């Protein structure tokens, strides 16, 4: 911008004040649009992050409770001779399906939210 200011000064010496009497400053469109509400947006971002952490904690707690409820089933399978992979596979598949379903639902909601 300094080079541009010098060029403007050299091309229009009569209509531009001398150097040092004015400056050029760049601001992003994002900064201009959110200047007054930036603190409120940061507070909102923090609140959303806290709600997301609470939701993740709830899902983790539900999965732990479900795993504890299936302890008898796992014990019976282990007693019948199932190896570790055979014991872990159903639990892993259930967790991955839950994660994929949650991610797909989140993407669907986010894409629908952005269109309206």
C-alpha atoms as a PDB file:
ATOM      1  CA  UNK A   1       0.000   0.000   0.000  1.00  0.00           C
ATOM      2  CA  UNK A   2       2.971   2.307   0.543  1.00  0.00           C
ATOM      3  CA  UNK A   3       3.980   1.879  -3.083  1.00  0.00           C
ATOM      4  CA  UNK A   4       0.413   2.608  -4.178  1.00  0.00           C
ATOM      5  CA  UNK A   5       0.327   5.745  -2.027  1.00  0.00           C
ATOM      6  CA  UNK A   6       3.577   6.931  -3.608  1.00  0.00           C
ATOM      7  CA  UNK A   7       2.217   6.285  -7.085  1.00  0.00           C
ATOM      8  CA  UNK A   8      -0.992   8.212  -6.341  1.00  0.00           C
ATOM      9  CA  UNK A   9       1.077  11.094  -4.935  1.00  0.00           C
ATOM     10  CA  UNK A  10       3.304  11.216  -8.033  1.00  0.00           C
ATOM     11  CA  UNK A  11       0.416  11.025 -10.518  1.00  0.00           C
ATOM     12  CA  UNK A  12      -1.890  13.478  -8.754  1.00  0.00           C
ATOM     13  CA  UNK A  13       0.375  15.913  -6.875  1.00  0.00           C
ATOM     14  CA  UNK A  14      -2.169  18.749  -6.805  1.00  0.00           C
ATOM     15  CA  UNK A  15      -5.166  16.795  -5.524  1.00  0.00           C
ATOM     16  CA  UNK A  16      -3.424  14.626  -2.897  1.00  0.00           C
ATOM     17  CA  UNK A  17      -2.039  16.027   0.371  1.00  0.00           C
ATOM     18  CA  UNK A  18       1.727  15.623   0.947  1.00  0.00           C
ATOM     19  CA  UNK A  19       3.112  12.306   2.293  1.00  0.00           C
ATOM     20  CA  UNK A  20       2.679  11.920   6.022  1.00  0.00           C
ATOM     21  CA  UNK A  21      -0.600  13.858   6.035  1.00  0.00           C
ATOM     22  CA  UNK A  22      -2.581  10.756   5.129  1.00  0.00           C
ATOM     23  CA  UNK A  23      -2.197   6.990   5.309  1.00  0.00           C
ATOM     24  CA  UNK A  24      -3.691   3.942   3.679  1.00  0.00           C
ATOM     25  CA  UNK A  25      -4.946   1.131   5.846  1.00  0.00           C
ATOM     26  CA  UNK A  26      -6.278  -2.263   4.759  1.00  0.00           C
ATOM     27  CA  UNK A  27      -9.069  -4.007   6.607  1.00  0.00           C
ATOM     28  CA  UNK A  28     -10.632  -7.318   5.712  1.00  0.00           C
ATOM     29  CA  UNK A  29     -14.298  -7.541   4.894  1.00  0.00           C
ATOM     30  CA  UNK A  30     -14.686  -9.991   7.762  1.00  0.00           C
ATOM     31  CA  UNK A  31     -13.239  -7.445  10.190  1.00  0.00           C
ATOM     32  CA  UNK A  32     -15.518  -4.708   8.884  1.00  0.00           C
ATOM     33  CA  UNK A  33     -18.607  -6.912   9.129  1.00  0.00           C
ATOM     34  CA  UNK A  34     -18.061  -8.249  12.645  1.00  0.00           C
ATOM     35  CA  UNK A  35     -16.246  -5.368  14.321  1.00  0.00           C
ATOM     36  CA  UNK A  36     -19.036  -4.450  16.749  1.00  0.00           C
ATOM     37  CA  UNK A  37     -20.299  -7.924  17.585  1.00  0.00           C
ATOM     38  CA  UNK A  38     -17.015  -9.853  17.702  1.00  0.00           C
ATOM     39  CA  UNK A  39     -17.056 -10.359  21.529  1.00  0.00           C
ATOM     40  CA  UNK A  40     -20.633 -11.643  21.402  1.00  0.00           C
ATOM     41  CA  UNK A  41     -19.712 -14.051  18.607  1.00  0.00           C
ATOM     42  CA  UNK A  42     -16.770 -15.374  20.634  1.00  0.00           C
ATOM     43  CA  UNK A  43     -19.028 -15.941  23.654  1.00  0.00           C
ATOM     44  CA  UNK A  44     -21.504 -17.763  21.408  1.00  0.00           C
ATOM     45  CA  UNK A  45     -18.690 -19.894  19.988  1.00  0.00           C
ATOM     46  CA  UNK A  46     -17.618 -20.806  23.521  1.00  0.00           C
ATOM     47  CA  UNK A  47     -21.172 -21.748  24.485  1.00  0.00           C
ATOM     48  CA  UNK A  48     -21.549 -23.947  21.412  1.00  0.00           C
ATOM     49  CA  UNK A  49     -18.227 -25.642  22.173  1.00  0.00           C
ATOM     50  CA  UNK A  50     -19.352 -26.374  25.743  1.00  0.00           C
ATOM     51  CA  UNK A  51     -22.662 -27.823  24.538  1.00  0.00           C
ATOM     52  CA  UNK A  52     -20.777 -29.987  22.026  1.00  0.00           C
ATOM     53  CA  UNK A  53     -18.481 -31.277  24.774  1.00  0.00           C
ATOM     54  CA  UNK A  54     -21.473 -32.085  26.971  1.00  0.00           C
ATOM     55  CA  UNK A  55     -23.137 -33.972  24.102  1.00  0.00           C
ATOM     56  CA  UNK A  56     -19.946 -35.959  23.433  1.00  0.00           C
ATOM     57  CA  UNK A  57     -19.689 -36.783  27.131  1.00  0.00           C
ATOM     58  CA  UNK A  58     -23.290 -37.981  27.168  1.00  0.00           C
ATOM     59  CA  UNK A  59     -22.738 -40.255  24.176  1.00  0.00           C
ATOM     60  CA  UNK A  60     -19.569 -41.659  25.744  1.00  0.00           C
ATOM     61  CA  UNK A  61     -21.454 -42.290  28.994  1.00  0.00           C
ATOM     62  CA  UNK A  62     -24.261 -44.084  27.140  1.00  0.00           C
ATOM     63  CA  UNK A  63     -21.747 -46.275  25.321  1.00  0.00           C
ATOM     64  CA  UNK A  64     -20.021 -47.142  28.593  1.00  0.00           C
ATOM     65  CA  UNK A  65     -23.345 -48.041  30.170  1.00  0.00           C
ATOM     66  CA  UNK A  66     -24.230 -50.192  27.182  1.00  0.00           C
ATOM     67  CA  UNK A  67     -20.852 -51.906  27.384  1.00  0.00           C
ATOM     68  CA  UNK A  68     -21.331 -52.590  31.084  1.00  0.00           C
ATOM     69  CA  UNK A  69     -24.763 -54.046  30.361  1.00  0.00           C
ATOM     70  CA  UNK A  70     -23.206 -56.378  27.778  1.00  0.00           C
ATOM     71  CA  UNK A  71     -20.553 -57.674  30.183  1.00  0.00           C
ATOM     72  CA  UNK A  72     -22.461 -60.923  30.725  1.00  0.00           C
ATOM     73  CA  UNK A  73     -22.687 -61.494  26.969  1.00  0.00           C
ATOM     74  CA  UNK A  74     -18.950 -60.864  26.570  1.00  0.00           C
ATOM     75  CA  UNK A  75     -18.175 -63.188  29.488  1.00  0.00           C
ATOM     76  CA  UNK A  76     -20.280 -65.981  27.973  1.00  0.00           C
ATOM     77  CA  UNK A  77     -18.622 -65.574  24.559  1.00  0.00           C
ATOM     78  CA  UNK A  78     -15.183 -65.631  26.178  1.00  0.00           C
ATOM     79  CA  UNK A  79     -16.115 -68.755  28.122  1.00  0.00           C
ATOM     80  CA  UNK A  80     -17.208 -70.433  24.882  1.00  0.00           C
ATOM     81  CA  UNK A  81     -13.769 -69.768  23.408  1.00  0.00           C
ATOM     82  CA  UNK A  82     -14.083 -66.568  21.385  1.00  0.00           C
ATOM     83  CA  UNK A  83     -10.802 -64.749  20.814  1.00  0.00           C
ATOM     84  CA  UNK A  84     -10.291 -61.057  21.572  1.00  0.00           C
ATOM     85  CA  UNK A  85     -10.999 -59.921  18.029  1.00  0.00           C
ATOM     86  CA  UNK A  86     -14.294 -61.817  17.969  1.00  0.00           C
ATOM     87  CA  UNK A  87     -15.252 -60.176  21.264  1.00  0.00           C
ATOM     88  CA  UNK A  88     -14.254 -56.662  20.186  1.00  0.00           C
ATOM     89  CA  UNK A  89     -15.624 -56.768  16.622  1.00  0.00           C
ATOM     90  CA  UNK A  90     -19.361 -56.285  17.452  1.00  0.00           C
ATOM     91  CA  UNK A  91     -18.559 -53.467  19.868  1.00  0.00           C
ATOM     92  CA  UNK A  92     -16.296 -51.794  17.324  1.00  0.00           C
ATOM     93  CA  UNK A  93     -18.847 -52.124  14.530  1.00  0.00           C
ATOM     94  CA  UNK A  94     -21.536 -50.647  16.763  1.00  0.00           C
ATOM     95  CA  UNK A  95     -19.311 -47.697  17.680  1.00  0.00           C
ATOM     96  CA  UNK A  96     -18.302 -47.028  14.069  1.00  0.00           C
ATOM     97  CA  UNK A  97     -21.914 -47.205  12.869  1.00  0.00           C
ATOM     98  CA  UNK A  98     -22.969 -44.776  15.584  1.00  0.00           C
ATOM     99  CA  UNK A  99     -20.155 -42.380  14.631  1.00  0.00           C
ATOM    100  CA  UNK A 100     -20.944 -42.575  10.898  1.00  0.00           C
ATOM    101  CA  UNK A 101     -24.670 -42.067  11.516  1.00  0.00           C
ATOM    102  CA  UNK A 102     -23.981 -39.073  13.770  1.00  0.00           C
ATOM    103  CA  UNK A 103     -21.552 -37.572  11.243  1.00  0.00           C
ATOM    104  CA  UNK A 104     -23.999 -38.036   8.370  1.00  0.00           C
ATOM    105  CA  UNK A 105     -26.814 -36.474  10.395  1.00  0.00           C
ATOM    106  CA  UNK A 106     -24.565 -33.560  11.344  1.00  0.00           C
ATOM    107  CA  UNK A 107     -23.546 -32.978   7.723  1.00  0.00           C
ATOM    108  CA  UNK A 108     -27.166 -33.160   6.580  1.00  0.00           C
ATOM    109  CA  UNK A 109     -28.251 -30.644   9.194  1.00  0.00           C
ATOM    110  CA  UNK A 110     -25.314 -28.339   8.445  1.00  0.00           C
ATOM    111  CA  UNK A 111     -25.954 -28.370   4.706  1.00  0.00           C
ATOM    112  CA  UNK A 112     -29.657 -27.750   5.239  1.00  0.00           C
ATOM    113  CA  UNK A 113     -28.930 -24.933   7.686  1.00  0.00           C
ATOM    114  CA  UNK A 114     -26.610 -23.208   5.223  1.00  0.00           C
ATOM    115  CA  UNK A 115     -29.216 -23.178   2.439  1.00  0.00           C
ATOM    116  CA  UNK A 116     -31.940 -21.430   4.385  1.00  0.00           C
END
